[in-house]
Every structure is written in structure tokens, then in C-alpha cells.
Amino acid sequence: MDAMKRPRKKLNVWGGLVMLREGQTRVLVATKTQAEAAQLFGESVYHFREHMTQTFNKDEIALALGSPGVRLYPKGRGNR
């Protein structure tokens, strides 16, 4: 039975810029797939891919992995 179990897919951290009332700001989200992330933003996968990318910034990854599936707006980096 163990041989039939699928390996767990790792979480990826996606980041990009979005417009809020306060102006343009950085947003992060940790999900297993781009499709899951796009759904959290209410966007098509096509639109999500046009405006977001996988981040390899260690600080952003640590922050987003602490709250998977939640959109995060980290302080600093231009965010208020």
C-alpha cells in the first residue's frame, strides 16, 4: 500500500505586485500549484502567470510557508 501513495507535492511561493487603494504593493502566497494560487486571487491561470512569478527570496519563502493558502502583504519592499 505504501508504494501506491503519491509523494506529497511541495509548496511553492508565488509573488507579484497588485494595486490596492494605497497604491502598488507586493503580495505573496504559498500553494502547491499556480492554479490554486490563481483561484485565491480570483484570476485565470493565464492572467496569474502574466503578473506573478515564483519567488526564491528566502525571507519571502519563510514568511509565506508559515501561512499556506493565505495572501500576504509583507511590510517593507515598498509596502506600507
PDB file of N, CA and C in Angstrom:
ATOM      1  N   MET A   1       0.816  -1.193   0.000  1.00  0.00           N
ATOM      2  CA  MET A   1       0.000   0.000   0.000  1.00  0.00           C
ATOM      3  C   MET A   1       0.863   1.262   0.000  1.00  0.00           C
ATOM      4  N   ASP A   2       2.004   1.233   0.690  1.00  0.00           N
ATOM      5  CA  ASP A   2       2.876   2.403   0.721  1.00  0.00           C
ATOM      6  C   ASP A   2       3.395   2.763  -0.668  1.00  0.00           C
ATOM      7  N   ALA A   3       3.602   1.749  -1.501  1.00  0.00           N
ATOM      8  CA  ALA A   3       4.111   2.006  -2.842  1.00  0.00           C
ATOM      9  C   ALA A   3       3.084   2.751  -3.695  1.00  0.00           C
ATOM     10  N   MET A   4       1.815   2.675  -3.335  1.00  0.00           N
ATOM     11  CA  MET A   4       0.766   3.311  -4.111  1.00  0.00           C
ATOM     12  C   MET A   4       0.530   4.759  -3.700  1.00  0.00           C
ATOM     13  N   LYS A   5       1.067   5.175  -2.575  1.00  0.00           N
ATOM     14  CA  LYS A   5       0.880   6.549  -2.125  1.00  0.00           C
ATOM     15  C   LYS A   5       1.662   7.495  -3.017  1.00  0.00           C
ATOM     16  N   ARG A   6       1.023   8.580  -3.375  1.00  0.00           N
ATOM     17  CA  ARG A   6       1.714   9.596  -4.162  1.00  0.00           C
ATOM     18  C   ARG A   6       2.573  10.450  -3.238  1.00  0.00           C
ATOM     19  N   PRO A   7       3.725  10.854  -3.731  1.00  0.00           N
ATOM     20  CA  PRO A   7       4.530  11.761  -2.900  1.00  0.00           C
ATOM     21  C   PRO A   7       3.803  13.091  -2.746  1.00  0.00           C
ATOM     22  N   ARG A   8       3.935  13.683  -1.584  1.00  0.00           N
ATOM     23  CA  ARG A   8       3.286  14.979  -1.327  1.00  0.00           C
ATOM     24  C   ARG A   8       3.983  16.052  -2.148  1.00  0.00           C
ATOM     25  N   LYS A   9       3.197  16.862  -2.798  1.00  0.00           N
ATOM     26  CA  LYS A   9       3.741  17.942  -3.613  1.00  0.00           C
ATOM     27  C   LYS A   9       4.159  19.082  -2.692  1.00  0.00           C
ATOM     28  N   LYS A  10       5.340  19.624  -2.941  1.00  0.00           N
ATOM     29  CA  LYS A  10       5.838  20.709  -2.090  1.00  0.00           C
ATOM     30  C   LYS A  10       5.105  22.009  -2.399  1.00  0.00           C
ATOM     31  N   LEU A  11       5.113  22.890  -1.433  1.00  0.00           N
ATOM     32  CA  LEU A  11       4.519  24.204  -1.614  1.00  0.00           C
ATOM     33  C   LEU A  11       5.499  25.111  -2.340  1.00  0.00           C
ATOM     34  N   ASN A  12       4.974  25.914  -3.234  1.00  0.00           N
ATOM     35  CA  ASN A  12       5.753  26.936  -3.922  1.00  0.00           C
ATOM     36  C   ASN A  12       5.254  28.292  -3.448  1.00  0.00           C
ATOM     37  N   VAL A  13       6.107  29.267  -3.485  1.00  0.00           N
ATOM     38  CA  VAL A  13       5.720  30.616  -3.071  1.00  0.00           C
ATOM     39  C   VAL A  13       5.713  31.506  -4.304  1.00  0.00           C
ATOM     40  N   TRP A  14       4.557  32.131  -4.541  1.00  0.00           N
ATOM     41  CA  TRP A  14       4.343  32.994  -5.685  1.00  0.00           C
ATOM     42  C   TRP A  14       4.279  34.439  -5.204  1.00  0.00           C
ATOM     43  N   GLY A  15       4.811  35.340  -5.984  1.00  0.00           N
ATOM     44  CA  GLY A  15       4.787  36.747  -5.601  1.00  0.00           C
ATOM     45  C   GLY A  15       4.601  37.651  -6.802  1.00  0.00           C
ATOM     46  N   GLY A  16       4.094  38.839  -6.524  1.00  0.00           N
ATOM     47  CA  GLY A  16       3.907  39.811  -7.581  1.00  0.00           C
ATOM     48  C   GLY A  16       3.389  41.112  -7.002  1.00  0.00           C
ATOM     49  N   LEU A  17       3.103  42.040  -7.882  1.00  0.00           N
ATOM     50  CA  LEU A  17       2.592  43.342  -7.480  1.00  0.00           C
ATOM     51  C   LEU A  17       1.109  43.428  -7.798  1.00  0.00           C
ATOM     52  N   VAL A  18       0.345  43.997  -6.874  1.00  0.00           N
ATOM     53  CA  VAL A  18      -1.084  44.231  -7.074  1.00  0.00           C
ATOM     54  C   VAL A  18      -1.387  45.680  -6.728  1.00  0.00           C
ATOM     55  N   MET A  19      -2.494  46.170  -7.255  1.00  0.00           N
ATOM     56  CA  MET A  19      -2.928  47.532  -6.954  1.00  0.00           C
ATOM     57  C   MET A  19      -3.973  47.500  -5.841  1.00  0.00           C
ATOM     58  N   LEU A  20      -3.732  48.274  -4.799  1.00  0.00           N
ATOM     59  CA  LEU A  20      -4.672  48.465  -3.709  1.00  0.00           C
ATOM     60  C   LEU A  20      -4.986  49.945  -3.629  1.00  0.00           C
ATOM     61  N   ARG A  21      -5.873  50.328  -2.746  1.00  0.00           N
ATOM     62  CA  ARG A  21      -6.188  51.757  -2.577  1.00  0.00           C
ATOM     63  C   ARG A  21      -4.944  52.573  -2.271  1.00  0.00           C
ATOM     64  N   GLU A  22      -4.035  51.973  -1.514  1.00  0.00           N
ATOM     65  CA  GLU A  22      -2.813  52.668  -1.096  1.00  0.00           C
ATOM     66  C   GLU A  22      -1.791  52.742  -2.224  1.00  0.00           C
ATOM     67  N   GLY A  23      -2.041  52.044  -3.318  1.00  0.00           N
ATOM     68  CA  GLY A  23      -1.100  52.001  -4.430  1.00  0.00           C
ATOM     69  C   GLY A  23      -0.618  50.589  -4.695  1.00  0.00           C
ATOM     70  N   GLN A  24       0.444  50.490  -5.440  1.00  0.00           N
ATOM     71  CA  GLN A  24       1.003  49.206  -5.812  1.00  0.00           C
ATOM     72  C   GLN A  24       1.709  48.580  -4.616  1.00  0.00           C
ATOM     73  N   THR A  25       1.494  47.281  -4.389  1.00  0.00           N
ATOM     74  CA  THR A  25       2.103  46.609  -3.252  1.00  0.00           C
ATOM     75  C   THR A  25       2.440  45.165  -3.597  1.00  0.00           C
ATOM     76  N   ARG A  26       3.391  44.614  -2.904  1.00  0.00           N
ATOM     77  CA  ARG A  26       3.842  43.230  -3.100  1.00  0.00           C
ATOM     78  C   ARG A  26       2.891  42.287  -2.373  1.00  0.00           C
ATOM     79  N   VAL A  27       2.595  41.158  -2.997  1.00  0.00           N
ATOM     80  CA  VAL A  27       1.746  40.141  -2.374  1.00  0.00           C
ATOM     81  C   VAL A  27       2.409  38.780  -2.578  1.00  0.00           C
ATOM     82  N   LEU A  28       2.261  37.914  -1.575  1.00  0.00           N
ATOM     83  CA  LEU A  28       2.827  36.564  -1.606  1.00  0.00           C
ATOM     84  C   LEU A  28       1.750  35.546  -1.269  1.00  0.00           C
ATOM     85  N   VAL A  29       1.904  34.337  -1.785  1.00  0.00           N
ATOM     86  CA  VAL A  29       1.018  33.240  -1.412  1.00  0.00           C
ATOM     87  C   VAL A  29       1.777  31.932  -1.613  1.00  0.00           C
ATOM     88  N   ALA A  30       1.586  30.987  -0.691  1.00  0.00           N
ATOM     89  CA  ALA A  30       2.197  29.665  -0.796  1.00  0.00           C
ATOM     90  C   ALA A  30       1.110  28.654  -1.139  1.00  0.00           C
ATOM     91  N   THR A  31       1.262  27.982  -2.282  1.00  0.00           N
ATOM     92  CA  THR A  31       0.332  26.947  -2.717  1.00  0.00           C
ATOM     93  C   THR A  31       1.112  25.841  -3.417  1.00  0.00           C
ATOM     94  N   LYS A  32       0.442  24.735  -3.680  1.00  0.00           N
ATOM     95  CA  LYS A  32       1.095  23.637  -4.383  1.00  0.00           C
ATOM     96  C   LYS A  32       1.190  23.904  -5.884  1.00  0.00           C
ATOM     97  N   THR A  33       0.201  24.615  -6.428  1.00  0.00           N
ATOM     98  CA  THR A  33       0.179  24.854  -7.872  1.00  0.00           C
ATOM     99  C   THR A  33      -0.168  26.312  -8.173  1.00  0.00           C
ATOM    100  N   GLN A  34       0.168  26.720  -9.395  1.00  0.00           N
ATOM    101  CA  GLN A  34      -0.224  28.054  -9.845  1.00  0.00           C
ATOM    102  C   GLN A  34      -1.736  28.155  -9.936  1.00  0.00           C
ATOM    103  N   ALA A  35      -2.397  27.072 -10.306  1.00  0.00           N
ATOM    104  CA  ALA A  35      -3.857  27.082 -10.421  1.00  0.00           C
ATOM    105  C   ALA A  35      -4.508  27.385  -9.072  1.00  0.00           C
ATOM    106  N   GLU A  36      -3.986  26.804  -7.997  1.00  0.00           N
ATOM    107  CA  GLU A  36      -4.510  27.088  -6.648  1.00  0.00           C
ATOM    108  C   GLU A  36      -4.292  28.557  -6.299  1.00  0.00           C
ATOM    109  N   ALA A  37      -3.124  29.066  -6.610  1.00  0.00           N
ATOM    110  CA  ALA A  37      -2.813  30.465  -6.311  1.00  0.00           C
ATOM    111  C   ALA A  37      -3.722  31.393  -7.113  1.00  0.00           C
ATOM    112  N   ALA A  38      -3.907  31.103  -8.394  1.00  0.00           N
ATOM    113  CA  ALA A  38      -4.766  31.926  -9.241  1.00  0.00           C
ATOM    114  C   ALA A  38      -6.190  31.952  -8.689  1.00  0.00           C
ATOM    115  N   GLN A  39      -6.657  30.818  -8.200  1.00  0.00           N
ATOM    116  CA  GLN A  39      -8.004  30.741  -7.636  1.00  0.00           C
ATOM    117  C   GLN A  39      -8.131  31.633  -6.396  1.00  0.00           C
ATOM    118  N   LEU A  40      -7.092  31.680  -5.563  1.00  0.00           N
ATOM    119  CA  LEU A  40      -7.113  32.538  -4.381  1.00  0.00           C
ATOM    120  C   LEU A  40      -7.252  34.018  -4.748  1.00  0.00           C
ATOM    121  N   PHE A  41      -6.756  34.375  -5.917  1.00  0.00           N
ATOM    122  CA  PHE A  41      -6.829  35.755  -6.381  1.00  0.00           C
ATOM    123  C   PHE A  41      -8.043  36.006  -7.264  1.00  0.00           C
ATOM    124  N   GLY A  42      -8.812  34.958  -7.541  1.00  0.00           N
ATOM    125  CA  GLY A  42      -9.974  35.105  -8.411  1.00  0.00           C
ATOM    126  C   GLY A  42      -9.583  35.412  -9.848  1.00  0.00           C
ATOM    127  N   GLU A  43      -8.429  34.916 -10.266  1.00  0.00           N
ATOM    128  CA  GLU A  43      -7.896  35.182 -11.604  1.00  0.00           C
ATOM    129  C   GLU A  43      -7.767  33.887 -12.394  1.00  0.00           C
ATOM    130  N   SER A  44      -7.711  34.021 -13.700  1.00  0.00           N
ATOM    131  CA  SER A  44      -7.421  32.857 -14.539  1.00  0.00           C
ATOM    132  C   SER A  44      -5.938  32.517 -14.378  1.00  0.00           C
ATOM    133  N   VAL A  45      -5.585  31.288 -14.689  1.00  0.00           N
ATOM    134  CA  VAL A  45      -4.178  30.891 -14.616  1.00  0.00           C
ATOM    135  C   VAL A  45      -3.364  31.731 -15.599  1.00  0.00           C
ATOM    136  N   TYR A  46      -3.943  32.000 -16.771  1.00  0.00           N
ATOM    137  CA  TYR A  46      -3.251  32.827 -17.763  1.00  0.00           C
ATOM    138  C   TYR A  46      -2.916  34.202 -17.177  1.00  0.00           C
ATOM    139  N   HIS A  47      -3.888  34.870 -16.590  1.00  0.00           N
ATOM    140  CA  HIS A  47      -3.663  36.205 -16.028  1.00  0.00           C
ATOM    141  C   HIS A  47      -2.667  36.132 -14.871  1.00  0.00           C
ATOM    142  N   PHE A  48      -2.806  35.119 -14.033  1.00  0.00           N
ATOM    143  CA  PHE A  48      -1.887  34.957 -12.902  1.00  0.00           C
ATOM    144  C   PHE A  48      -0.449  34.822 -13.391  1.00  0.00           C
ATOM    145  N   ARG A  49      -0.234  34.005 -14.409  1.00  0.00           N
ATOM    146  CA  ARG A  49       1.117  33.799 -14.949  1.00  0.00           C
ATOM    147  C   ARG A  49       1.695  35.067 -15.570  1.00  0.00           C
ATOM    148  N   GLU A  50       0.830  35.934 -16.065  1.00  0.00           N
ATOM    149  CA  GLU A  50       1.292  37.185 -16.662  1.00  0.00           C
ATOM    150  C   GLU A  50       1.790  38.176 -15.611  1.00  0.00           C
ATOM    151  N   HIS A  51       1.288  38.059 -14.373  1.00  0.00           N
ATOM    152  CA  HIS A  51       1.583  39.081 -13.358  1.00  0.00           C
ATOM    153  C   HIS A  51       2.282  38.572 -12.101  1.00  0.00           C
ATOM    154  N   MET A  52       2.377  37.273 -11.935  1.00  0.00           N
ATOM    155  CA  MET A  52       3.007  36.700 -10.740  1.00  0.00           C
ATOM    156  C   MET A  52       4.104  35.731 -11.163  1.00  0.00           C
ATOM    157  N   THR A  53       5.035  35.494 -10.253  1.00  0.00           N
ATOM    158  CA  THR A  53       6.117  34.559 -10.536  1.00  0.00           C
ATOM    159  C   THR A  53       6.495  33.848  -9.246  1.00  0.00           C
ATOM    160  N   GLN A  54       7.160  32.731  -9.389  1.00  0.00           N
ATOM    161  CA  GLN A  54       7.660  32.019  -8.210  1.00  0.00           C
ATOM    162  C   GLN A  54       8.821  32.820  -7.641  1.00  0.00           C
ATOM    163  N   THR A  55       8.821  32.993  -6.329  1.00  0.00           N
ATOM    164  CA  THR A  55       9.902  33.745  -5.697  1.00  0.00           C
ATOM    165  C   THR A  55      10.918  32.779  -5.089  1.00  0.00           C
ATOM    166  N   PHE A  56      12.163  33.187  -5.102  1.00  0.00           N
ATOM    167  CA  PHE A  56      13.231  32.406  -4.484  1.00  0.00           C
ATOM    168  C   PHE A  56      13.904  33.201  -3.373  1.00  0.00           C
ATOM    169  N   ASN A  57      13.261  34.310  -2.965  1.00  0.00           N
ATOM    170  CA  ASN A  57      13.748  35.133  -1.868  1.00  0.00           C
ATOM    171  C   ASN A  57      13.507  34.373  -0.557  1.00  0.00           C
ATOM    172  N   LYS A  58      14.572  34.079   0.176  1.00  0.00           N
ATOM    173  CA  LYS A  58      14.468  33.250   1.389  1.00  0.00           C
ATOM    174  C   LYS A  58      13.537  33.843   2.442  1.00  0.00           C
ATOM    175  N   ASP A  59      13.555  35.164   2.604  1.00  0.00           N
ATOM    176  CA  ASP A  59      12.681  35.808   3.592  1.00  0.00           C
ATOM    177  C   ASP A  59      11.214  35.678   3.196  1.00  0.00           C
ATOM    178  N   GLU A  60      10.925  35.889   1.916  1.00  0.00           N
ATOM    179  CA  GLU A  60       9.541  35.770   1.439  1.00  0.00           C
ATOM    180  C   GLU A  60       9.045  34.331   1.551  1.00  0.00           C
ATOM    181  N   ILE A  61       9.897  33.391   1.222  1.00  0.00           N
ATOM    182  CA  ILE A  61       9.520  31.982   1.311  1.00  0.00           C
ATOM    183  C   ILE A  61       9.200  31.605   2.747  1.00  0.00           C
ATOM    184  N   ALA A  62      10.052  31.994   3.679  1.00  0.00           N
ATOM    185  CA  ALA A  62       9.821  31.677   5.095  1.00  0.00           C
ATOM    186  C   ALA A  62       8.507  32.283   5.584  1.00  0.00           C
ATOM    187  N   LEU A  63       8.231  33.504   5.191  1.00  0.00           N
ATOM    188  CA  LEU A  63       7.004  34.173   5.602  1.00  0.00           C
ATOM    189  C   LEU A  63       5.772  33.464   5.040  1.00  0.00           C
ATOM    190  N   ALA A  64       5.772  33.195   3.747  1.00  0.00           N
ATOM    191  CA  ALA A  64       4.606  32.596   3.095  1.00  0.00           C
ATOM    192  C   ALA A  64       4.370  31.150   3.527  1.00  0.00           C
ATOM    193  N   LEU A  65       5.433  30.388   3.745  1.00  0.00           N
ATOM    194  CA  LEU A  65       5.261  28.995   4.163  1.00  0.00           C
ATOM    195  C   LEU A  65       4.669  28.889   5.562  1.00  0.00           C
ATOM    196  N   GLY A  66       4.764  29.955   6.339  1.00  0.00           N
ATOM    197  CA  GLY A  66       4.162  29.979   7.674  1.00  0.00           C
ATOM    198  C   GLY A  66       2.644  30.078   7.634  1.00  0.00           C
ATOM    199  N   SER A  67       2.093  30.496   6.499  1.00  0.00           N
ATOM    200  CA  SER A  67       0.635  30.638   6.332  1.00  0.00           C
ATOM    201  C   SER A  67       0.228  30.208   4.928  1.00  0.00           C
ATOM    202  N   PRO A  68       0.329  28.913   4.615  1.00  0.00           N
ATOM    203  CA  PRO A  68      -0.007  28.468   3.261  1.00  0.00           C
ATOM    204  C   PRO A  68      -1.460  28.774   2.908  1.00  0.00           C
ATOM    205  N   GLY A  69      -1.674  29.153   1.657  1.00  0.00           N
ATOM    206  CA  GLY A  69      -3.020  29.411   1.172  1.00  0.00           C
ATOM    207  C   GLY A  69      -3.594  30.756   1.577  1.00  0.00           C
ATOM    208  N   VAL A  70      -2.759  31.615   2.158  1.00  0.00           N
ATOM    209  CA  VAL A  70      -3.205  32.938   2.611  1.00  0.00           C
ATOM    210  C   VAL A  70      -2.422  34.004   1.851  1.00  0.00           C
ATOM    211  N   ARG A  71      -3.148  35.001   1.305  1.00  0.00           N
ATOM    212  CA  ARG A  71      -2.456  36.106   0.643  1.00  0.00           C
ATOM    213  C   ARG A  71      -1.800  36.985   1.702  1.00  0.00           C
ATOM    214  N   LEU A  72      -0.510  37.231   1.536  1.00  0.00           N
ATOM    215  CA  LEU A  72       0.245  38.027   2.496  1.00  0.00           C
ATOM    216  C   LEU A  72       0.784  39.283   1.826  1.00  0.00           C
ATOM    217  N   TYR A  73       0.747  40.369   2.571  1.00  0.00           N
ATOM    218  CA  TYR A  73       1.262  41.654   2.106  1.00  0.00           C
ATOM    219  C   TYR A  73       2.369  42.071   3.064  1.00  0.00           C
ATOM    220  N   PRO A  74       3.607  41.584   2.820  1.00  0.00           N
ATOM    221  CA  PRO A  74       4.686  41.848   3.774  1.00  0.00           C
ATOM    222  C   PRO A  74       5.047  43.328   3.879  1.00  0.00           C
ATOM    223  N   LYS A  75       5.476  43.719   5.043  1.00  0.00           N
ATOM    224  CA  LYS A  75       5.934  45.103   5.270  1.00  0.00           C
ATOM    225  C   LYS A  75       7.278  45.283   4.582  1.00  0.00           C
ATOM    226  N   GLY A  76       7.609  46.512   4.268  1.00  0.00           N
ATOM    227  CA  GLY A  76       8.871  46.789   3.610  1.00  0.00           C
ATOM    228  C   GLY A  76       8.729  46.577   2.108  1.00  0.00           C
ATOM    229  N   ARG A  77       9.814  46.651   1.388  1.00  0.00           N
ATOM    230  CA  ARG A  77       9.824  46.458  -0.063  1.00  0.00           C
ATOM    231  C   ARG A  77       8.758  47.296  -0.747  1.00  0.00           C
ATOM    232  N   GLY A  78       8.534  48.508  -0.242  1.00  0.00           N
ATOM    233  CA  GLY A  78       7.570  49.394  -0.852  1.00  0.00           C
ATOM    234  C   GLY A  78       6.169  49.281  -0.265  1.00  0.00           C
ATOM    235  N   ASN A  79       5.936  48.278   0.576  1.00  0.00           N
ATOM    236  CA  ASN A  79       4.615  48.140   1.205  1.00  0.00           C
ATOM    237  C   ASN A  79       4.518  49.007   2.442  1.00  0.00           C
ATOM    238  N   ARG A  80       3.349  49.530   2.692  1.00  0.00           N
ATOM    239  CA  ARG A  80       3.116  50.401   3.852  1.00  0.00           C
ATOM    240  C   ARG A  80       2.701  49.601   5.037  1.00  0.00           C
TER     241      ARG A  80
END
